[in-house]
C-alpha atoms as a PDB file:
ATOM      1  CA  MET A   1       1.469 -27.658  -9.235  1.00  0.00           C
ATOM      2  CA  ILE A   2       4.452 -26.082 -10.911  1.00  0.00           C
ATOM      3  CA  HIS A   3       6.166 -25.549  -7.547  1.00  0.00           C
ATOM      4  CA  GLU A   4       5.749 -29.261  -6.723  1.00  0.00           C
ATOM      5  CA  ILE A   5       7.362 -30.566  -9.915  1.00  0.00           C
ATOM      6  CA  THR A   6      10.573 -32.449  -9.233  1.00  0.00           C
ATOM      7  CA  SER A   7      13.800 -31.335 -10.895  1.00  0.00           C
ATOM      8  CA  ASN A   8      14.005 -34.514 -13.030  1.00  0.00           C
ATOM      9  CA  VAL A   9      10.524 -33.849 -14.447  1.00  0.00           C
ATOM     10  CA  LEU A  10      11.424 -30.206 -15.159  1.00  0.00           C
ATOM     11  CA  ASP A  11      14.702 -31.273 -16.820  1.00  0.00           C
ATOM     12  CA  PHE A  12      12.796 -33.766 -18.981  1.00  0.00           C
ATOM     13  CA  ILE A  13      10.267 -31.103 -20.024  1.00  0.00           C
ATOM     14  CA  ARG A  14      13.070 -28.665 -20.899  1.00  0.00           C
ATOM     15  CA  LYS A  15      14.642 -31.299 -23.166  1.00  0.00           C
ATOM     16  CA  GLU A  16      11.444 -32.772 -24.639  1.00  0.00           C
ATOM     17  CA  GLY A  17       9.108 -29.785 -24.240  1.00  0.00           C
ATOM     18  CA  SER A  18       8.569 -29.093 -27.910  1.00  0.00           C
ATOM     19  CA  ASN A  19       6.717 -32.411 -28.136  1.00  0.00           C
ATOM     20  CA  TYR A  20       4.039 -31.260 -25.676  1.00  0.00           C
ATOM     21  CA  LEU A  21       1.405 -28.585 -25.126  1.00  0.00           C
ATOM     22  CA  LEU A  22       1.660 -27.519 -21.480  1.00  0.00           C
ATOM     23  CA  THR A  23      -1.502 -26.419 -19.694  1.00  0.00           C
ATOM     24  CA  PHE A  24      -1.939 -24.856 -16.271  1.00  0.00           C
ATOM     25  CA  ASP A  25      -5.287 -24.607 -14.475  1.00  0.00           C
ATOM     26  CA  ASP A  26      -6.825 -22.124 -12.037  1.00  0.00           C
ATOM     27  CA  GLY A  27      -4.523 -19.118 -12.510  1.00  0.00           C
ATOM     28  CA  LEU A  28      -2.426 -19.782  -9.423  1.00  0.00           C
ATOM     29  CA  PHE A  29       0.295 -17.266  -8.572  1.00  0.00           C
ATOM     30  CA  SER A  30       2.945 -20.024  -8.642  1.00  0.00           C
ATOM     31  CA  GLN A  31       2.385 -20.326 -12.402  1.00  0.00           C
ATOM     32  CA  TYR A  32       3.262 -16.657 -12.846  1.00  0.00           C
ATOM     33  CA  TYR A  33       6.099 -16.830 -10.316  1.00  0.00           C
ATOM     34  CA  TYR A  34       7.816 -19.545 -12.380  1.00  0.00           C
ATOM     35  CA  LEU A  35       7.097 -17.879 -15.732  1.00  0.00           C
ATOM     36  CA  ASN A  36      10.792 -17.203 -16.430  1.00  0.00           C
ATOM     37  CA  GLU A  37      11.549 -20.911 -15.975  1.00  0.00           C
ATOM     38  CA  LEU A  38       8.566 -21.846 -18.135  1.00  0.00           C
ATOM     39  CA  LYS A  39       9.760 -19.503 -20.906  1.00  0.00           C
ATOM     40  CA  LYS A  40      12.836 -21.741 -21.252  1.00  0.00           C
ATOM     41  CA  ILE A  41      10.622 -24.620 -22.354  1.00  0.00           C
ATOM     42  CA  ASN A  42      10.277 -24.429 -26.113  1.00  0.00           C
ATOM     43  CA  THR A  43       6.596 -25.272 -26.486  1.00  0.00           C
ATOM     44  CA  LYS A  44       3.137 -23.715 -26.432  1.00  0.00           C
ATOM     45  CA  LYS A  45       1.735 -23.070 -22.957  1.00  0.00           C
ATOM     46  CA  ILE A  46      -1.880 -22.302 -22.017  1.00  0.00           C
ATOM     47  CA  PHE A  47      -2.776 -20.761 -18.663  1.00  0.00           C
ATOM     48  CA  PHE A  48      -6.444 -21.441 -17.887  1.00  0.00           C
ATOM     49  CA  VAL A  49      -7.727 -18.746 -15.513  1.00  0.00           C
ATOM     50  CA  SER A  50     -10.804 -18.714 -13.277  1.00  0.00           C
ATOM     51  CA  THR A  51     -11.700 -15.034 -13.566  1.00  0.00           C
ATOM     52  CA  GLY A  52     -13.660 -14.774 -10.305  1.00  0.00           C
ATOM     53  CA  LEU A  53     -10.582 -15.879  -8.381  1.00  0.00           C
ATOM     54  CA  VAL A  54      -8.235 -13.206  -9.780  1.00  0.00           C
ATOM     55  CA  HIS A  55      -6.380 -11.588  -6.892  1.00  0.00           C
ATOM     56  CA  ASP A  56      -6.606  -7.908  -5.986  1.00  0.00           C
ATOM     57  CA  LEU A  57      -3.110  -7.120  -4.694  1.00  0.00           C
ATOM     58  CA  SER A  58      -4.444  -4.305  -2.509  1.00  0.00           C
ATOM     59  CA  LYS A  59      -6.134  -6.906  -0.255  1.00  0.00           C
ATOM     60  CA  SER A  60      -3.080  -8.963   0.762  1.00  0.00           C
ATOM     61  CA  SER A  61       0.218 -10.325  -0.465  1.00  0.00           C
ATOM     62  CA  GLN A  62       0.286 -13.368  -2.703  1.00  0.00           C
ATOM     63  CA  LEU A  63       0.801 -16.923  -1.486  1.00  0.00           C
ATOM     64  CA  LEU A  64       3.173 -19.102  -3.467  1.00  0.00           C
ATOM     65  CA  ASN A  65       3.448 -22.708  -2.313  1.00  0.00           C
ATOM     66  CA  ILE A  66      -0.152 -23.736  -1.930  1.00  0.00           C
ATOM     67  CA  ASP A  67      -1.890 -26.592  -3.713  1.00  0.00           C
ATOM     68  CA  CYS A  68      -5.051 -25.969  -5.731  1.00  0.00           C
ATOM     69  CA  ARG A  69      -7.328 -27.921  -3.349  1.00  0.00           C
ATOM     70  CA  THR A  70      -6.297 -25.757  -0.402  1.00  0.00           C
ATOM     71  CA  ALA A  71      -6.497 -22.602  -2.524  1.00  0.00           C
ATOM     72  CA  HIS A  72     -10.035 -23.518  -3.633  1.00  0.00           C
ATOM     73  CA  LYS A  73     -11.098 -24.367  -0.084  1.00  0.00           C
ATOM     74  CA  ASN A  74      -9.779 -21.033   1.210  1.00  0.00           C
ATOM     75  CA  PHE A  75     -11.547 -19.170  -1.589  1.00  0.00           C
ATOM     76  CA  PHE A  76     -14.905 -20.902  -1.166  1.00  0.00           C
ATOM     77  CA  GLU A  77     -14.825 -20.655   2.651  1.00  0.00           C
ATOM     78  CA  ASN A  78     -13.199 -17.229   3.138  1.00  0.00           C
ATOM     79  CA  GLY A  79     -13.085 -15.489  -0.252  1.00  0.00           C
ATOM     80  CA  ASP A  80      -9.265 -15.639  -0.105  1.00  0.00           C
ATOM     81  CA  THR A  81      -7.742 -14.995  -3.544  1.00  0.00           C
ATOM     82  CA  SER A  82      -4.128 -14.592  -2.364  1.00  0.00           C
ATOM     83  CA  PRO A  83      -2.936 -17.835  -4.068  1.00  0.00           C
ATOM     84  CA  TYR A  84      -4.114 -16.564  -7.474  1.00  0.00           C
ATOM     85  CA  MET A  85      -2.653 -14.231 -10.121  1.00  0.00           C
ATOM     86  CA  THR A  86      -3.521 -10.564 -10.454  1.00  0.00           C
ATOM     87  CA  LYS A  87      -4.931  -8.978 -13.589  1.00  0.00           C
ATOM     88  CA  ASP A  88      -1.528  -7.418 -14.396  1.00  0.00           C
ATOM     89  CA  GLN A  89       0.213 -10.786 -14.080  1.00  0.00           C
ATOM     90  CA  ILE A  90      -2.321 -12.327 -16.479  1.00  0.00           C
ATOM     91  CA  LYS A  91      -1.678  -9.462 -18.907  1.00  0.00           C
ATOM     92  CA  GLU A  92       2.051 -10.172 -18.752  1.00  0.00           C
ATOM     93  CA  ILE A  93       1.466 -13.840 -19.576  1.00  0.00           C
ATOM     94  CA  MET A  94      -0.719 -12.783 -22.524  1.00  0.00           C
ATOM     95  CA  LYS A  95       2.269 -10.834 -23.920  1.00  0.00           C
ATOM     96  CA  THR A  96       4.739 -13.689 -23.410  1.00  0.00           C
ATOM     97  CA  LYS A  97       5.985 -15.680 -26.404  1.00  0.00           C
ATOM     98  CA  ASP A  98       4.470 -19.185 -26.676  1.00  0.00           C
ATOM     99  CA  CYS A  99       1.954 -18.405 -23.904  1.00  0.00           C
ATOM    100  CA  GLU A 100      -1.810 -18.084 -24.167  1.00  0.00           C
ATOM    101  CA  VAL A 101      -4.532 -17.383 -21.628  1.00  0.00           C
ATOM    102  CA  GLY A 102      -7.708 -19.406 -21.692  1.00  0.00           C
ATOM    103  CA  GLY A 103     -10.840 -19.588 -19.593  1.00  0.00           C
ATOM    104  CA  HIS A 104     -11.346 -21.940 -16.673  1.00  0.00           C
ATOM    105  CA  SER A 105     -14.758 -20.646 -15.561  1.00  0.00           C
ATOM    106  CA  HIS A 106     -15.581 -17.641 -13.425  1.00  0.00           C
ATOM    107  CA  LEU A 107     -16.028 -19.241  -9.994  1.00  0.00           C
ATOM    108  CA  HIS A 108     -14.747 -22.786 -10.633  1.00  0.00           C
ATOM    109  CA  PRO A 109     -18.103 -24.479  -9.913  1.00  0.00           C
ATOM    110  CA  ARG A 110     -18.619 -28.174  -9.215  1.00  0.00           C
ATOM    111  CA  PHE A 111     -21.147 -29.001 -11.929  1.00  0.00           C
ATOM    112  CA  LYS A 112     -21.319 -32.658 -10.915  1.00  0.00           C
ATOM    113  CA  ASN A 113     -22.884 -31.639  -7.580  1.00  0.00           C
ATOM    114  CA  LEU A 114     -25.929 -30.272  -9.404  1.00  0.00           C
ATOM    115  CA  SER A 115     -28.718 -32.815  -9.712  1.00  0.00           C
ATOM    116  CA  SER A 116     -30.508 -32.102 -12.989  1.00  0.00           C
ATOM    117  CA  LEU A 117     -29.204 -31.607 -16.485  1.00  0.00           C
ATOM    118  CA  LYS A 118     -30.992 -28.237 -16.652  1.00  0.00           C
ATOM    119  CA  GLU A 119     -29.182 -27.091 -13.487  1.00  0.00           C
ATOM    120  CA  LYS A 120     -25.823 -28.097 -14.988  1.00  0.00           C
ATOM    121  CA  ILE A 121     -26.498 -26.271 -18.265  1.00  0.00           C
ATOM    122  CA  ASP A 122     -27.855 -23.167 -16.520  1.00  0.00           C
ATOM    123  CA  ALA A 123     -24.890 -23.052 -14.129  1.00  0.00           C
ATOM    124  CA  LEU A 124     -22.355 -23.531 -16.929  1.00  0.00           C
ATOM    125  CA  THR A 125     -24.006 -20.851 -19.078  1.00  0.00           C
ATOM    126  CA  LYS A 126     -24.240 -18.308 -16.248  1.00  0.00           C
ATOM    127  CA  ASP A 127     -20.679 -18.954 -15.094  1.00  0.00           C
ATOM    128  CA  THR A 128     -19.259 -18.817 -18.635  1.00  0.00           C
ATOM    129  CA  ASP A 129     -21.137 -15.587 -19.373  1.00  0.00           C
ATOM    130  CA  LEU A 130     -19.580 -14.047 -16.240  1.00  0.00           C
ATOM    131  CA  MET A 131     -16.131 -15.287 -17.278  1.00  0.00           C
ATOM    132  CA  MET A 132     -16.457 -13.894 -20.807  1.00  0.00           C
ATOM    133  CA  GLU A 133     -17.749 -10.573 -19.433  1.00  0.00           C
ATOM    134  CA  TRP A 134     -14.759 -10.325 -17.058  1.00  0.00           C
ATOM    135  CA  PHE A 135     -12.242 -11.069 -19.818  1.00  0.00           C
ATOM    136  CA  LEU A 136     -13.834  -8.473 -22.095  1.00  0.00           C
ATOM    137  CA  ASP A 137     -14.260  -5.774 -19.416  1.00  0.00           C
ATOM    138  CA  GLU A 138     -10.917  -6.246 -17.663  1.00  0.00           C
ATOM    139  CA  LEU A 139      -8.577  -7.350 -20.479  1.00  0.00           C
ATOM    140  CA  ASN A 140     -10.441  -6.423 -23.669  1.00  0.00           C
ATOM    141  CA  PHE A 141      -9.962 -10.057 -24.656  1.00  0.00           C
ATOM    142  CA  ILE A 142     -12.104 -13.077 -25.450  1.00  0.00           C
ATOM    143  CA  PRO A 143     -10.448 -16.459 -24.856  1.00  0.00           C
ATOM    144  CA  LYS A 144     -10.459 -19.072 -27.605  1.00  0.00           C
ATOM    145  CA  LYS A 145      -9.756 -21.994 -25.278  1.00  0.00           C
ATOM    146  CA  TYR A 146     -11.484 -23.292 -22.162  1.00  0.00           C
ATOM    147  CA  CYS A 147     -10.606 -25.955 -19.607  1.00  0.00           C
ATOM    148  CA  LEU A 148     -13.473 -27.584 -17.741  1.00  0.00           C
ATOM    149  CA  PRO A 149     -13.371 -27.134 -13.946  1.00  0.00           C
ATOM    150  CA  TYR A 150     -12.411 -30.451 -12.342  1.00  0.00           C
ATOM    151  CA  ASN A 151     -12.329 -31.787 -15.945  1.00  0.00           C
ATOM    152  CA  PHE A 152     -16.020 -32.616 -15.519  1.00  0.00           C
ATOM    153  CA  ASP A 153     -17.785 -32.860 -18.888  1.00  0.00           C
ATOM    154  CA  TYR A 154     -21.053 -34.751 -18.227  1.00  0.00           C
ATOM    155  CA  HIS A 155     -20.575 -37.224 -21.083  1.00  0.00           C
ATOM    156  CA  GLY A 156     -19.443 -34.521 -23.532  1.00  0.00           C
ATOM    157  CA  LEU A 157     -22.510 -32.331 -23.050  1.00  0.00           C
ATOM    158  CA  LEU A 158     -20.770 -29.398 -21.363  1.00  0.00           C
ATOM    159  CA  SER A 159     -17.931 -29.258 -23.902  1.00  0.00           C
ATOM    160  CA  SER A 160     -20.486 -29.427 -26.742  1.00  0.00           C
ATOM    161  CA  LEU A 161     -22.364 -26.469 -25.248  1.00  0.00           C
ATOM    162  CA  LEU A 162     -19.142 -24.465 -24.843  1.00  0.00           C
ATOM    163  CA  LYS A 163     -18.133 -25.173 -28.438  1.00  0.00           C
ATOM    164  CA  GLU A 164     -21.574 -24.359 -29.858  1.00  0.00           C
ATOM    165  CA  LYS A 165     -22.514 -21.289 -27.822  1.00  0.00           C
ATOM    166  CA  TYR A 166     -19.101 -19.694 -27.237  1.00  0.00           C
ATOM    167  CA  ASN A 167     -16.983 -21.160 -30.051  1.00  0.00           C
ATOM    168  CA  LEU A 168     -14.377 -22.394 -27.545  1.00  0.00           C
ATOM    169  CA  GLU A 169     -11.841 -25.176 -27.969  1.00  0.00           C
ATOM    170  CA  VAL A 170     -12.386 -27.281 -24.851  1.00  0.00           C
ATOM    171  CA  PHE A 171      -9.773 -29.129 -22.794  1.00  0.00           C
ATOM    172  CA  GLY A 172     -10.478 -31.668 -20.065  1.00  0.00           C
ATOM    173  CA  ARG A 173      -9.647 -35.254 -19.158  1.00  0.00           C
ATOM    174  CA  GLY A 174      -7.649 -35.821 -22.351  1.00  0.00           C
ATOM    175  CA  ARG A 175      -4.660 -34.087 -20.787  1.00  0.00           C
ATOM    176  CA  ILE A 176      -1.837 -36.028 -19.136  1.00  0.00           C
ATOM    177  CA  LYS A 177      -0.412 -34.994 -15.773  1.00  0.00           C
ATOM    178  CA  VAL A 178       3.159 -33.795 -16.193  1.00  0.00           C
ATOM    179  CA  GLU A 179       4.390 -36.331 -13.635  1.00  0.00           C
ATOM    180  CA  GLU A 180       3.105 -39.144 -15.884  1.00  0.00           C
ATOM    181  CA  ILE A 181       5.027 -37.991 -18.973  1.00  0.00           C
ATOM    182  CA  ILE A 182       8.280 -39.599 -17.872  1.00  0.00           C
ATOM    183  CA  ASN A 183       6.545 -42.910 -17.121  1.00  0.00           C
ATOM    184  CA  ILE A 184       4.930 -42.907 -20.569  1.00  0.00           C
ATOM    185  CA  THR A 185       8.187 -42.252 -22.406  1.00  0.00           C
ATOM    186  CA  ASP A 186      10.399 -44.619 -20.318  1.00  0.00           C
END
């Protein structure tokens, strides 16, 4: 979570940022809130958004300091989207230098909880179709990049399907948590 990053990690990223591609999952409001700080990092940034979790500001104010597990739990139990970005905030990120918006599903499903391979493929296809439809209808945009929910790839099958059917560059477990960057370079 961007709001949980310690100052020494943020200082390191500011200095060494051009050596990394920064990615952010879920479309949490905290990512937008800290956009001005993130702009200071001279590197490409991708914000992976779950389109079904986009917040409608008319429903409530936005929550800032909430972790993704709690945000997901509140969404799945109560339909609460207050920890997530609005459509206008996503549009602003799309216009920001060195920033890109990618897909992170529509409803952030847990594919590993489905028992059969057919169920996984059907769920991924239906969810990705909904995500693509939302991006096109709401932002007149089709993402080129996709990050797997929970980084679950089912032995490469889901990323292969996303590449073949939707022509998406897929991100998942190959990413390194920002907190681990300092340990790797020390």
